[in-house]
C-alpha atoms as a PDB file:
ATOM      1  CA  UNK A   1       0.000   0.000   0.000  1.00  0.00           C
ATOM      2  CA  UNK A   2       1.386   3.414  -0.928  1.00  0.00           C
ATOM      3  CA  UNK A   3       1.465   6.208   1.579  1.00  0.00           C
ATOM      4  CA  UNK A   4      -0.105   9.539   0.699  1.00  0.00           C
ATOM      5  CA  UNK A   5       3.095  11.419  -0.059  1.00  0.00           C
ATOM      6  CA  UNK A   6       2.845  15.041  -1.234  1.00  0.00           C
ATOM      7  CA  UNK A   7       5.314  17.372  -2.831  1.00  0.00           C
ATOM      8  CA  UNK A   8       5.416  21.152  -3.268  1.00  0.00           C
ATOM      9  CA  UNK A   9       5.780  22.622  -6.739  1.00  0.00           C
ATOM     10  CA  UNK A  10       6.278  26.266  -7.645  1.00  0.00           C
ATOM     11  CA  UNK A  11       4.726  27.813 -10.734  1.00  0.00           C
ATOM     12  CA  UNK A  12       6.083  30.822 -12.586  1.00  0.00           C
ATOM     13  CA  UNK A  13       5.382  33.919 -10.501  1.00  0.00           C
ATOM     14  CA  UNK A  14       6.108  32.142  -7.242  1.00  0.00           C
ATOM     15  CA  UNK A  15       2.676  30.523  -6.714  1.00  0.00           C
ATOM     16  CA  UNK A  16       3.089  27.309  -4.731  1.00  0.00           C
ATOM     17  CA  UNK A  17       0.763  24.322  -5.201  1.00  0.00           C
ATOM     18  CA  UNK A  18       0.575  20.949  -3.510  1.00  0.00           C
ATOM     19  CA  UNK A  19       0.805  17.990  -5.880  1.00  0.00           C
ATOM     20  CA  UNK A  20      -0.646  14.692  -4.643  1.00  0.00           C
ATOM     21  CA  UNK A  21       0.204  11.698  -6.791  1.00  0.00           C
ATOM     22  CA  UNK A  22      -2.521   9.180  -7.561  1.00  0.00           C
ATOM     23  CA  UNK A  23      -2.649   6.390  -4.998  1.00  0.00           C
ATOM     24  CA  UNK A  24      -2.544   2.724  -5.856  1.00  0.00           C
ATOM     25  CA  UNK A  25      -5.614   0.721  -4.907  1.00  0.00           C
ATOM     26  CA  UNK A  26      -5.491  -1.149  -1.604  1.00  0.00           C
ATOM     27  CA  UNK A  27      -7.252  -4.133  -3.191  1.00  0.00           C
ATOM     28  CA  UNK A  28      -6.846  -5.332  -6.778  1.00  0.00           C
ATOM     29  CA  UNK A  29      -9.003  -8.163  -8.074  1.00  0.00           C
ATOM     30  CA  UNK A  30      -9.552 -10.197 -11.222  1.00  0.00           C
ATOM     31  CA  UNK A  31     -13.176 -10.769 -12.264  1.00  0.00           C
ATOM     32  CA  UNK A  32     -13.720 -13.511 -14.859  1.00  0.00           C
ATOM     33  CA  UNK A  33     -16.842 -14.432 -16.832  1.00  0.00           C
ATOM     34  CA  UNK A  34     -17.503 -16.500 -19.956  1.00  0.00           C
ATOM     35  CA  UNK A  35     -19.574 -14.071 -22.025  1.00  0.00           C
ATOM     36  CA  UNK A  36     -18.647 -11.765 -24.907  1.00  0.00           C
ATOM     37  CA  UNK A  37     -17.493  -8.235 -24.152  1.00  0.00           C
ATOM     38  CA  UNK A  38     -20.526  -6.900 -26.046  1.00  0.00           C
ATOM     39  CA  UNK A  39     -23.033  -8.594 -23.737  1.00  0.00           C
ATOM     40  CA  UNK A  40     -25.047  -7.262 -20.830  1.00  0.00           C
ATOM     41  CA  UNK A  41     -23.086  -9.309 -18.298  1.00  0.00           C
ATOM     42  CA  UNK A  42     -19.720  -7.796 -19.204  1.00  0.00           C
ATOM     43  CA  UNK A  43     -21.082  -4.269 -19.331  1.00  0.00           C
ATOM     44  CA  UNK A  44     -22.822  -4.700 -15.983  1.00  0.00           C
ATOM     45  CA  UNK A  45     -19.750  -6.136 -14.278  1.00  0.00           C
ATOM     46  CA  UNK A  46     -17.589  -3.275 -15.559  1.00  0.00           C
ATOM     47  CA  UNK A  47     -20.159  -0.750 -14.325  1.00  0.00           C
ATOM     48  CA  UNK A  48     -20.441  -2.535 -10.978  1.00  0.00           C
ATOM     49  CA  UNK A  49     -16.716  -2.485 -10.311  1.00  0.00           C
ATOM     50  CA  UNK A  50     -16.456   1.132 -11.504  1.00  0.00           C
ATOM     51  CA  UNK A  51     -19.113   2.019  -8.932  1.00  0.00           C
ATOM     52  CA  UNK A  52     -17.261   0.116  -6.203  1.00  0.00           C
ATOM     53  CA  UNK A  53     -14.055   1.942  -7.067  1.00  0.00           C
ATOM     54  CA  UNK A  54     -15.814   5.312  -6.868  1.00  0.00           C
ATOM     55  CA  UNK A  55     -17.616   4.475  -3.627  1.00  0.00           C
ATOM     56  CA  UNK A  56     -14.395   3.304  -1.952  1.00  0.00           C
ATOM     57  CA  UNK A  57     -12.398   6.323  -3.168  1.00  0.00           C
ATOM     58  CA  UNK A  58     -10.180   4.149  -5.311  1.00  0.00           C
ATOM     59  CA  UNK A  59      -9.350   1.580  -2.640  1.00  0.00           C
ATOM     60  CA  UNK A  60     -10.776  -1.240  -4.784  1.00  0.00           C
ATOM     61  CA  UNK A  61     -10.008  -1.991  -8.424  1.00  0.00           C
ATOM     62  CA  UNK A  62     -11.058  -4.995 -10.490  1.00  0.00           C
ATOM     63  CA  UNK A  63     -10.136  -5.992 -14.015  1.00  0.00           C
ATOM     64  CA  UNK A  64     -13.084  -7.651 -15.754  1.00  0.00           C
ATOM     65  CA  UNK A  65     -12.058 -10.357 -18.231  1.00  0.00           C
ATOM     66  CA  UNK A  66     -14.605 -11.357 -20.899  1.00  0.00           C
ATOM     67  CA  UNK A  67     -14.584 -14.940 -22.225  1.00  0.00           C
ATOM     68  CA  UNK A  68     -12.507 -15.997 -19.206  1.00  0.00           C
ATOM     69  CA  UNK A  69      -9.521 -14.147 -20.621  1.00  0.00           C
ATOM     70  CA  UNK A  70      -9.419 -16.775 -23.425  1.00  0.00           C
ATOM     71  CA  UNK A  71      -8.451 -19.629 -21.106  1.00  0.00           C
ATOM     72  CA  UNK A  72      -8.178 -22.776 -23.251  1.00  0.00           C
ATOM     73  CA  UNK A  73     -10.087 -24.810 -20.674  1.00  0.00           C
ATOM     74  CA  UNK A  74     -12.862 -22.235 -20.283  1.00  0.00           C
ATOM     75  CA  UNK A  75     -15.100 -22.311 -17.215  1.00  0.00           C
ATOM     76  CA  UNK A  76     -13.669 -25.434 -15.543  1.00  0.00           C
ATOM     77  CA  UNK A  77     -10.151 -23.958 -15.630  1.00  0.00           C
ATOM     78  CA  UNK A  78     -11.378 -20.589 -14.385  1.00  0.00           C
ATOM     79  CA  UNK A  79     -13.246 -22.294 -11.542  1.00  0.00           C
ATOM     80  CA  UNK A  80     -10.033 -24.019 -10.471  1.00  0.00           C
ATOM     81  CA  UNK A  81      -8.291 -20.633 -10.498  1.00  0.00           C
ATOM     82  CA  UNK A  82     -11.038 -19.164  -8.325  1.00  0.00           C
ATOM     83  CA  UNK A  83     -10.809 -21.991  -5.813  1.00  0.00           C
ATOM     84  CA  UNK A  84      -7.042 -21.512  -5.565  1.00  0.00           C
ATOM     85  CA  UNK A  85      -7.351 -17.732  -5.199  1.00  0.00           C
ATOM     86  CA  UNK A  86      -5.553 -17.006  -8.457  1.00  0.00           C
ATOM     87  CA  UNK A  87      -8.634 -15.055  -9.482  1.00  0.00           C
ATOM     88  CA  UNK A  88     -10.911 -13.585  -6.855  1.00  0.00           C
ATOM     89  CA  UNK A  89     -14.342 -13.118  -8.482  1.00  0.00           C
ATOM     90  CA  UNK A  90     -16.184 -15.188 -11.049  1.00  0.00           C
ATOM     91  CA  UNK A  91     -19.653 -15.596 -12.561  1.00  0.00           C
ATOM     92  CA  UNK A  92     -20.802 -19.058 -13.542  1.00  0.00           C
ATOM     93  CA  UNK A  93     -23.840 -21.213 -14.316  1.00  0.00           C
ATOM     94  CA  UNK A  94     -25.157 -23.453 -11.578  1.00  0.00           C
ATOM     95  CA  UNK A  95     -24.469 -26.591 -13.587  1.00  0.00           C
ATOM     96  CA  UNK A  96     -20.737 -25.939 -13.681  1.00  0.00           C
ATOM     97  CA  UNK A  97     -20.583 -24.853 -10.029  1.00  0.00           C
ATOM     98  CA  UNK A  98     -22.266 -28.195  -9.413  1.00  0.00           C
ATOM     99  CA  UNK A  99     -19.051 -29.992 -10.340  1.00  0.00           C
ATOM    100  CA  UNK A 100     -17.773 -28.736  -6.951  1.00  0.00           C
ATOM    101  CA  UNK A 101     -20.981 -28.035  -4.977  1.00  0.00           C
ATOM    102  CA  UNK A 102     -23.587 -30.430  -6.441  1.00  0.00           C
ATOM    103  CA  UNK A 103     -26.702 -28.643  -5.150  1.00  0.00           C
ATOM    104  CA  UNK A 104     -26.008 -25.733  -7.524  1.00  0.00           C
ATOM    105  CA  UNK A 105     -27.080 -28.061 -10.359  1.00  0.00           C
ATOM    106  CA  UNK A 106     -30.678 -27.637  -9.134  1.00  0.00           C
ATOM    107  CA  UNK A 107     -30.780 -24.141 -10.625  1.00  0.00           C
ATOM    108  CA  UNK A 108     -30.961 -25.822 -14.027  1.00  0.00           C
ATOM    109  CA  UNK A 109     -33.549 -28.502 -13.350  1.00  0.00           C
ATOM    110  CA  UNK A 110     -35.363 -29.031 -16.664  1.00  0.00           C
ATOM    111  CA  UNK A 111     -38.786 -27.407 -17.005  1.00  0.00           C
ATOM    112  CA  UNK A 112     -38.628 -26.211 -13.388  1.00  0.00           C
ATOM    113  CA  UNK A 113     -38.952 -22.472 -13.972  1.00  0.00           C
ATOM    114  CA  UNK A 114     -41.576 -21.147 -16.355  1.00  0.00           C
ATOM    115  CA  UNK A 115     -39.873 -17.774 -16.672  1.00  0.00           C
ATOM    116  CA  UNK A 116     -36.643 -16.065 -15.659  1.00  0.00           C
ATOM    117  CA  UNK A 117     -38.509 -14.014 -13.047  1.00  0.00           C
ATOM    118  CA  UNK A 118     -39.438 -17.230 -11.182  1.00  0.00           C
ATOM    119  CA  UNK A 119     -35.787 -18.269 -11.106  1.00  0.00           C
ATOM    120  CA  UNK A 120     -34.712 -14.860  -9.818  1.00  0.00           C
ATOM    121  CA  UNK A 121     -37.165 -15.092  -6.927  1.00  0.00           C
ATOM    122  CA  UNK A 122     -35.941 -18.574  -6.030  1.00  0.00           C
ATOM    123  CA  UNK A 123     -32.219 -17.814  -6.084  1.00  0.00           C
ATOM    124  CA  UNK A 124     -32.743 -14.605  -4.094  1.00  0.00           C
ATOM    125  CA  UNK A 125     -34.604 -16.596  -1.421  1.00  0.00           C
ATOM    126  CA  UNK A 126     -34.216 -19.717   0.710  1.00  0.00           C
ATOM    127  CA  UNK A 127     -33.315 -21.920  -2.252  1.00  0.00           C
ATOM    128  CA  UNK A 128     -30.408 -19.652  -3.188  1.00  0.00           C
ATOM    129  CA  UNK A 129     -29.274 -19.275   0.409  1.00  0.00           C
ATOM    130  CA  UNK A 130     -29.005 -23.050   0.751  1.00  0.00           C
ATOM    131  CA  UNK A 131     -26.885 -23.234  -2.403  1.00  0.00           C
ATOM    132  CA  UNK A 132     -24.709 -20.480  -0.918  1.00  0.00           C
ATOM    133  CA  UNK A 133     -24.212 -22.461   2.274  1.00  0.00           C
ATOM    134  CA  UNK A 134     -23.075 -25.500   0.320  1.00  0.00           C
ATOM    135  CA  UNK A 135     -20.749 -23.392  -1.818  1.00  0.00           C
ATOM    136  CA  UNK A 136     -19.243 -21.825   1.313  1.00  0.00           C
ATOM    137  CA  UNK A 137     -18.262 -25.279   2.522  1.00  0.00           C
ATOM    138  CA  UNK A 138     -16.250 -25.629  -0.710  1.00  0.00           C
ATOM    139  CA  UNK A 139     -14.461 -22.275  -0.406  1.00  0.00           C
ATOM    140  CA  UNK A 140     -16.799 -20.037  -2.438  1.00  0.00           C
ATOM    141  CA  UNK A 141     -18.778 -17.021  -1.264  1.00  0.00           C
ATOM    142  CA  UNK A 142     -22.056 -16.680  -3.201  1.00  0.00           C
ATOM    143  CA  UNK A 143     -23.502 -13.170  -3.178  1.00  0.00           C
ATOM    144  CA  UNK A 144     -26.993 -12.934  -1.624  1.00  0.00           C
ATOM    145  CA  UNK A 145     -28.255 -11.080  -4.701  1.00  0.00           C
ATOM    146  CA  UNK A 146     -25.721 -12.303  -7.226  1.00  0.00           C
ATOM    147  CA  UNK A 147     -27.695 -14.085  -9.907  1.00  0.00           C
ATOM    148  CA  UNK A 148     -27.101 -12.228 -13.150  1.00  0.00           C
ATOM    149  CA  UNK A 149     -29.490 -13.407 -15.858  1.00  0.00           C
ATOM    150  CA  UNK A 150     -28.789 -15.514 -18.915  1.00  0.00           C
ATOM    151  CA  UNK A 151     -32.409 -16.436 -19.573  1.00  0.00           C
ATOM    152  CA  UNK A 152     -34.627 -19.275 -20.711  1.00  0.00           C
ATOM    153  CA  UNK A 153     -32.760 -21.695 -22.923  1.00  0.00           C
ATOM    154  CA  UNK A 154     -33.925 -22.606 -26.442  1.00  0.00           C
ATOM    155  CA  UNK A 155     -32.702 -25.290 -28.847  1.00  0.00           C
ATOM    156  CA  UNK A 156     -31.098 -24.070 -32.081  1.00  0.00           C
ATOM    157  CA  UNK A 157     -29.948 -26.436 -34.823  1.00  0.00           C
ATOM    158  CA  UNK A 158     -28.560 -26.349 -38.348  1.00  0.00           C
ATOM    159  CA  UNK A 159     -30.029 -29.584 -39.747  1.00  0.00           C
ATOM    160  CA  UNK A 160     -33.685 -29.837 -38.716  1.00  0.00           C
ATOM    161  CA  UNK A 161     -36.126 -28.214 -36.288  1.00  0.00           C
ATOM    162  CA  UNK A 162     -36.921 -29.911 -32.991  1.00  0.00           C
ATOM    163  CA  UNK A 163     -40.634 -30.444 -32.442  1.00  0.00           C
ATOM    164  CA  UNK A 164     -40.613 -33.665 -30.392  1.00  0.00           C
ATOM    165  CA  UNK A 165     -37.962 -35.734 -28.580  1.00  0.00           C
ATOM    166  CA  UNK A 166     -37.533 -38.136 -31.504  1.00  0.00           C
ATOM    167  CA  UNK A 167     -36.074 -35.244 -33.513  1.00  0.00           C
ATOM    168  CA  UNK A 168     -33.040 -35.357 -31.222  1.00  0.00           C
ATOM    169  CA  UNK A 169     -32.184 -38.979 -31.978  1.00  0.00           C
ATOM    170  CA  UNK A 170     -28.683 -39.186 -33.435  1.00  0.00           C
ATOM    171  CA  UNK A 171     -28.050 -35.452 -33.103  1.00  0.00           C
ATOM    172  CA  UNK A 172     -24.860 -34.253 -31.439  1.00  0.00           C
ATOM    173  CA  UNK A 173     -25.898 -31.369 -29.194  1.00  0.00           C
ATOM    174  CA  UNK A 174     -23.467 -28.956 -27.635  1.00  0.00           C
ATOM    175  CA  UNK A 175     -24.179 -28.529 -23.926  1.00  0.00           C
ATOM    176  CA  UNK A 176     -22.171 -26.696 -21.249  1.00  0.00           C
ATOM    177  CA  UNK A 177     -20.291 -28.654 -18.584  1.00  0.00           C
ATOM    178  CA  UNK A 178     -22.679 -29.952 -15.931  1.00  0.00           C
ATOM    179  CA  UNK A 179     -24.140 -33.404 -15.405  1.00  0.00           C
ATOM    180  CA  UNK A 180     -27.834 -32.506 -15.102  1.00  0.00           C
ATOM    181  CA  UNK A 181     -28.014 -30.811 -18.482  1.00  0.00           C
ATOM    182  CA  UNK A 182     -26.043 -33.721 -19.980  1.00  0.00           C
ATOM    183  CA  UNK A 183     -28.527 -36.209 -18.484  1.00  0.00           C
ATOM    184  CA  UNK A 184     -31.475 -34.158 -19.726  1.00  0.00           C
ATOM    185  CA  UNK A 185     -30.430 -34.146 -23.362  1.00  0.00           C
ATOM    186  CA  UNK A 186     -29.401 -37.759 -23.218  1.00  0.00           C
ATOM    187  CA  UNK A 187     -32.944 -38.555 -22.004  1.00  0.00           C
ATOM    188  CA  UNK A 188     -34.317 -36.675 -25.012  1.00  0.00           C
ATOM    189  CA  UNK A 189     -32.273 -38.937 -27.290  1.00  0.00           C
ATOM    190  CA  UNK A 190     -29.482 -36.514 -28.218  1.00  0.00           C
ATOM    191  CA  UNK A 191     -25.743 -37.148 -27.981  1.00  0.00           C
ATOM    192  CA  UNK A 192     -24.456 -34.368 -25.669  1.00  0.00           C
ATOM    193  CA  UNK A 193     -21.055 -32.819 -26.408  1.00  0.00           C
ATOM    194  CA  UNK A 194     -19.451 -30.264 -24.101  1.00  0.00           C
ATOM    195  CA  UNK A 195     -17.429 -27.260 -25.288  1.00  0.00           C
ATOM    196  CA  UNK A 196     -16.482 -23.889 -23.900  1.00  0.00           C
ATOM    197  CA  UNK A 197     -18.871 -21.016 -24.669  1.00  0.00           C
ATOM    198  CA  UNK A 198     -16.563 -19.516 -27.279  1.00  0.00           C
ATOM    199  CA  UNK A 199     -16.066 -22.971 -28.768  1.00  0.00           C
ATOM    200  CA  UNK A 200     -19.716 -23.327 -29.840  1.00  0.00           C
ATOM    201  CA  UNK A 201     -19.294 -21.471 -33.134  1.00  0.00           C
ATOM    202  CA  UNK A 202     -16.408 -23.603 -34.467  1.00  0.00           C
ATOM    203  CA  UNK A 203     -18.137 -26.775 -33.258  1.00  0.00           C
ATOM    204  CA  UNK A 204     -21.231 -25.884 -35.293  1.00  0.00           C
ATOM    205  CA  UNK A 205     -19.244 -24.624 -38.265  1.00  0.00           C
ATOM    206  CA  UNK A 206     -17.148 -27.781 -38.479  1.00  0.00           C
ATOM    207  CA  UNK A 207     -20.088 -30.141 -38.044  1.00  0.00           C
ATOM    208  CA  UNK A 208     -18.765 -31.501 -34.767  1.00  0.00           C
ATOM    209  CA  UNK A 209     -22.243 -30.739 -33.397  1.00  0.00           C
ATOM    210  CA  UNK A 210     -25.553 -30.187 -35.158  1.00  0.00           C
ATOM    211  CA  UNK A 211     -27.150 -28.001 -32.534  1.00  0.00           C
ATOM    212  CA  UNK A 212     -26.797 -26.132 -29.279  1.00  0.00           C
ATOM    213  CA  UNK A 213     -29.110 -24.774 -26.591  1.00  0.00           C
ATOM    214  CA  UNK A 214     -28.897 -21.295 -25.103  1.00  0.00           C
ATOM    215  CA  UNK A 215     -30.943 -18.146 -24.581  1.00  0.00           C
ATOM    216  CA  UNK A 216     -31.371 -16.095 -27.746  1.00  0.00           C
ATOM    217  CA  UNK A 217     -28.954 -13.444 -26.474  1.00  0.00           C
ATOM    218  CA  UNK A 218     -26.112 -15.967 -26.715  1.00  0.00           C
ATOM    219  CA  UNK A 219     -26.874 -16.528 -30.400  1.00  0.00           C
ATOM    220  CA  UNK A 220     -26.396 -12.796 -30.828  1.00  0.00           C
ATOM    221  CA  UNK A 221     -23.362 -12.348 -28.592  1.00  0.00           C
ATOM    222  CA  UNK A 222     -21.338 -15.158 -30.161  1.00  0.00           C
ATOM    223  CA  UNK A 223     -22.796 -14.689 -33.687  1.00  0.00           C
ATOM    224  CA  UNK A 224     -24.191 -18.212 -33.670  1.00  0.00           C
ATOM    225  CA  UNK A 225     -26.999 -17.114 -35.982  1.00  0.00           C
ATOM    226  CA  UNK A 226     -24.399 -17.332 -38.764  1.00  0.00           C
ATOM    227  CA  UNK A 227     -24.104 -21.114 -38.388  1.00  0.00           C
ATOM    228  CA  UNK A 228     -27.661 -22.024 -37.344  1.00  0.00           C
ATOM    229  CA  UNK A 229     -30.935 -22.323 -39.231  1.00  0.00           C
ATOM    230  CA  UNK A 230     -33.699 -23.466 -36.855  1.00  0.00           C
ATOM    231  CA  UNK A 231     -34.712 -22.215 -33.404  1.00  0.00           C
ATOM    232  CA  UNK A 232     -37.131 -24.354 -31.405  1.00  0.00           C
ATOM    233  CA  UNK A 233     -38.668 -22.456 -28.484  1.00  0.00           C
ATOM    234  CA  UNK A 234     -38.349 -25.209 -25.893  1.00  0.00           C
ATOM    235  CA  UNK A 235     -37.845 -23.010 -22.793  1.00  0.00           C
ATOM    236  CA  UNK A 236     -36.398 -26.196 -21.326  1.00  0.00           C
ATOM    237  CA  UNK A 237     -34.477 -24.592 -18.476  1.00  0.00           C
ATOM    238  CA  UNK A 238     -33.287 -21.310 -17.009  1.00  0.00           C
ATOM    239  CA  UNK A 239     -29.677 -20.390 -16.503  1.00  0.00           C
ATOM    240  CA  UNK A 240     -27.906 -17.459 -14.953  1.00  0.00           C
ATOM    241  CA  UNK A 241     -24.456 -16.271 -14.012  1.00  0.00           C
ATOM    242  CA  UNK A 242     -23.866 -16.637 -10.274  1.00  0.00           C
ATOM    243  CA  UNK A 243     -21.481 -14.031  -8.864  1.00  0.00           C
ATOM    244  CA  UNK A 244     -19.179 -15.475  -6.228  1.00  0.00           C
ATOM    245  CA  UNK A 245     -15.796 -14.903  -4.654  1.00  0.00           C
ATOM    246  CA  UNK A 246     -12.826 -16.852  -3.364  1.00  0.00           C
ATOM    247  CA  UNK A 247     -13.912 -17.282   0.255  1.00  0.00           C
ATOM    248  CA  UNK A 248     -10.558 -16.547   1.983  1.00  0.00           C
ATOM    249  CA  UNK A 249     -10.218 -13.351  -0.071  1.00  0.00           C
ATOM    250  CA  UNK A 250     -13.745 -12.299   0.842  1.00  0.00           C
ATOM    251  CA  UNK A 251     -13.318 -12.980   4.547  1.00  0.00           C
ATOM    252  CA  UNK A 252     -10.096 -10.956   4.649  1.00  0.00           C
ATOM    253  CA  UNK A 253     -11.772  -7.781   3.369  1.00  0.00           C
ATOM    254  CA  UNK A 254     -12.837  -5.025   5.790  1.00  0.00           C
ATOM    255  CA  UNK A 255     -16.579  -4.871   6.407  1.00  0.00           C
ATOM    256  CA  UNK A 256     -17.002  -1.507   4.670  1.00  0.00           C
ATOM    257  CA  UNK A 257     -15.407  -2.901   1.497  1.00  0.00           C
ATOM    258  CA  UNK A 258     -17.609  -5.994   1.582  1.00  0.00           C
ATOM    259  CA  UNK A 259     -20.679  -3.819   2.084  1.00  0.00           C
ATOM    260  CA  UNK A 260     -19.785  -1.643  -0.910  1.00  0.00           C
ATOM    261  CA  UNK A 261     -19.256  -4.651  -3.168  1.00  0.00           C
ATOM    262  CA  UNK A 262     -22.470  -6.382  -2.084  1.00  0.00           C
ATOM    263  CA  UNK A 263     -24.547  -3.219  -2.387  1.00  0.00           C
ATOM    264  CA  UNK A 264     -23.362  -2.555  -5.919  1.00  0.00           C
ATOM    265  CA  UNK A 265     -23.606  -6.213  -6.910  1.00  0.00           C
ATOM    266  CA  UNK A 266     -27.293  -6.255  -5.958  1.00  0.00           C
ATOM    267  CA  UNK A 267     -27.921  -3.006  -7.847  1.00  0.00           C
ATOM    268  CA  UNK A 268     -26.287  -4.135 -11.075  1.00  0.00           C
ATOM    269  CA  UNK A 269     -27.664  -7.684 -10.900  1.00  0.00           C
ATOM    270  CA  UNK A 270     -31.212  -6.317 -10.800  1.00  0.00           C
ATOM    271  CA  UNK A 271     -30.459  -3.887 -13.605  1.00  0.00           C
ATOM    272  CA  UNK A 272     -28.839  -6.539 -15.806  1.00  0.00           C
ATOM    273  CA  UNK A 273     -31.775  -8.909 -15.339  1.00  0.00           C
ATOM    274  CA  UNK A 274     -34.069  -6.331 -16.907  1.00  0.00           C
ATOM    275  CA  UNK A 275     -31.637  -5.629 -19.747  1.00  0.00           C
ATOM    276  CA  UNK A 276     -31.049  -9.310 -20.536  1.00  0.00           C
ATOM    277  CA  UNK A 277     -34.763 -10.069 -20.406  1.00  0.00           C
ATOM    278  CA  UNK A 278     -35.518  -7.249 -22.826  1.00  0.00           C
ATOM    279  CA  UNK A 279     -32.724  -8.405 -25.145  1.00  0.00           C
ATOM    280  CA  UNK A 280     -33.917 -12.019 -25.222  1.00  0.00           C
ATOM    281  CA  UNK A 281     -37.481 -10.842 -25.907  1.00  0.00           C
ATOM    282  CA  UNK A 282     -36.449  -8.544 -28.753  1.00  0.00           C
ATOM    283  CA  UNK A 283     -34.196 -10.866 -30.740  1.00  0.00           C
ATOM    284  CA  UNK A 284     -36.717 -13.240 -32.292  1.00  0.00           C
ATOM    285  CA  UNK A 285     -37.904 -10.691 -34.873  1.00  0.00           C
ATOM    286  CA  UNK A 286     -34.303  -9.753 -35.676  1.00  0.00           C
ATOM    287  CA  UNK A 287     -33.346 -13.378 -36.254  1.00  0.00           C
ATOM    288  CA  UNK A 288     -36.358 -14.027 -38.482  1.00  0.00           C
ATOM    289  CA  UNK A 289     -35.202 -11.144 -40.660  1.00  0.00           C
ATOM    290  CA  UNK A 290     -31.770 -12.784 -40.850  1.00  0.00           C
ATOM    291  CA  UNK A 291     -33.321 -16.020 -42.095  1.00  0.00           C
ATOM    292  CA  UNK A 292     -33.670 -18.171 -38.956  1.00  0.00           C
ATOM    293  CA  UNK A 293     -36.801 -20.326 -38.810  1.00  0.00           C
ATOM    294  CA  UNK A 294     -38.660 -20.507 -35.482  1.00  0.00           C
ATOM    295  CA  UNK A 295     -41.114 -23.112 -34.205  1.00  0.00           C
ATOM    296  CA  UNK A 296     -43.063 -23.485 -30.963  1.00  0.00           C
ATOM    297  CA  UNK A 297     -42.754 -26.651 -28.886  1.00  0.00           C
ATOM    298  CA  UNK A 298     -45.271 -28.553 -26.778  1.00  0.00           C
ATOM    299  CA  UNK A 299     -43.280 -29.362 -23.649  1.00  0.00           C
ATOM    300  CA  UNK A 300     -45.442 -32.347 -22.594  1.00  0.00           C
ATOM    301  CA  UNK A 301     -43.639 -34.897 -24.769  1.00  0.00           C
ATOM    302  CA  UNK A 302     -40.266 -33.732 -23.482  1.00  0.00           C
ATOM    303  CA  UNK A 303     -41.358 -33.792 -19.844  1.00  0.00           C
ATOM    304  CA  UNK A 304     -42.535 -37.355 -20.353  1.00  0.00           C
ATOM    305  CA  UNK A 305     -38.894 -38.354 -20.949  1.00  0.00           C
ATOM    306  CA  UNK A 306     -37.681 -36.988 -17.610  1.00  0.00           C
ATOM    307  CA  UNK A 307     -39.136 -38.936 -14.622  1.00  0.00           C
ATOM    308  CA  UNK A 308     -35.915 -40.916 -14.174  1.00  0.00           C
ATOM    309  CA  UNK A 309     -33.804 -37.745 -14.466  1.00  0.00           C
ATOM    310  CA  UNK A 310     -35.883 -36.081 -11.740  1.00  0.00           C
ATOM    311  CA  UNK A 311     -35.785 -39.153  -9.498  1.00  0.00           C
ATOM    312  CA  UNK A 312     -32.032 -39.607  -9.897  1.00  0.00           C
ATOM    313  CA  UNK A 313     -31.280 -35.969  -9.176  1.00  0.00           C
ATOM    314  CA  UNK A 314     -33.596 -35.791  -6.187  1.00  0.00           C
ATOM    315  CA  UNK A 315     -31.611 -38.690  -4.733  1.00  0.00           C
ATOM    316  CA  UNK A 316     -28.270 -37.046  -5.599  1.00  0.00           C
ATOM    317  CA  UNK A 317     -29.081 -33.585  -4.265  1.00  0.00           C
ATOM    318  CA  UNK A 318     -31.073 -34.611  -1.211  1.00  0.00           C
ATOM    319  CA  UNK A 319     -34.580 -33.968   0.012  1.00  0.00           C
ATOM    320  CA  UNK A 320     -33.748 -30.536   1.478  1.00  0.00           C
ATOM    321  CA  UNK A 321     -32.451 -29.108  -1.773  1.00  0.00           C
ATOM    322  CA  UNK A 322     -35.213 -30.696  -3.854  1.00  0.00           C
ATOM    323  CA  UNK A 323     -37.838 -29.571  -1.354  1.00  0.00           C
ATOM    324  CA  UNK A 324     -36.660 -25.960  -1.500  1.00  0.00           C
ATOM    325  CA  UNK A 325     -36.783 -26.095  -5.285  1.00  0.00           C
ATOM    326  CA  UNK A 326     -40.251 -27.628  -5.387  1.00  0.00           C
ATOM    327  CA  UNK A 327     -41.457 -25.067  -2.849  1.00  0.00           C
ATOM    328  CA  UNK A 328     -40.774 -22.484  -5.562  1.00  0.00           C
ATOM    329  CA  UNK A 329     -41.855 -24.330  -8.712  1.00  0.00           C
ATOM    330  CA  UNK A 330     -44.229 -27.111  -7.682  1.00  0.00           C
ATOM    331  CA  UNK A 331     -43.715 -30.864  -7.885  1.00  0.00           C
ATOM    332  CA  UNK A 332     -41.278 -32.133 -10.490  1.00  0.00           C
ATOM    333  CA  UNK A 333     -41.580 -35.578 -11.991  1.00  0.00           C
END
């Protein structure tokens, strides 16, 4: 930490002024996320940390790295860096957090949430607090209001539209890391393939996969509309970007610094949710104009494929976790 040294300088005419050099920040952090720099998540994180810096009079600075700073291993590698303290703040989907704290997978239970707003209410409440407790036991501090929005996920393909589960048979589908989403698409009859977020485009372009599933905003942010033809409005699950910190780093911070970060996190999370929701809602017309073909989906046939997935995951995650989820969304399975 630099001390607040001053020096005296004399201007022409004998006028003396006091020059105070800029001080280095007391706390410097790295904030990673897997989205494009043009997206609402990146812009909101930059604005959040700018606000924290201003509120703390420059004591806190954070560099925000889009697309996980191009780490070859993507989210799993970044998560390892967070757990070791090499980076201090991260945003991540529940399914990938679930590789370390399994209950986080419940955020992405298929057909659990009917809309993003339902998911926001759940993760801001008792369901989210329980996930935070389990993450804390693994060395991660989950922010109480830290669920940035990604949105409801839709299936987009380049070979054929998806109207019923049989349409998935034999199709290689890109899915993010996370066992529940893998199990879900396997139950539909697809062959799940995992890649990093910025690896989806080349996987589609090369034919390694024939489809992917994401909110519409991701098709825009990563230009996936260039290598896709059909969008099936499955609304099969919600996903968001959980903001969390390396627990030892968080605990070491003074209370006033923690308060400033949490206060601004909550403000910008709520703001980004509105922006992401509006973006997802607006893109369908834009994509139709670009030549993408949309179809609606009756979810009943897809739900009928999932009783074993629900039963298996209820057993894996435990009755408390599943009960908190069902208290928000109703009975699953």
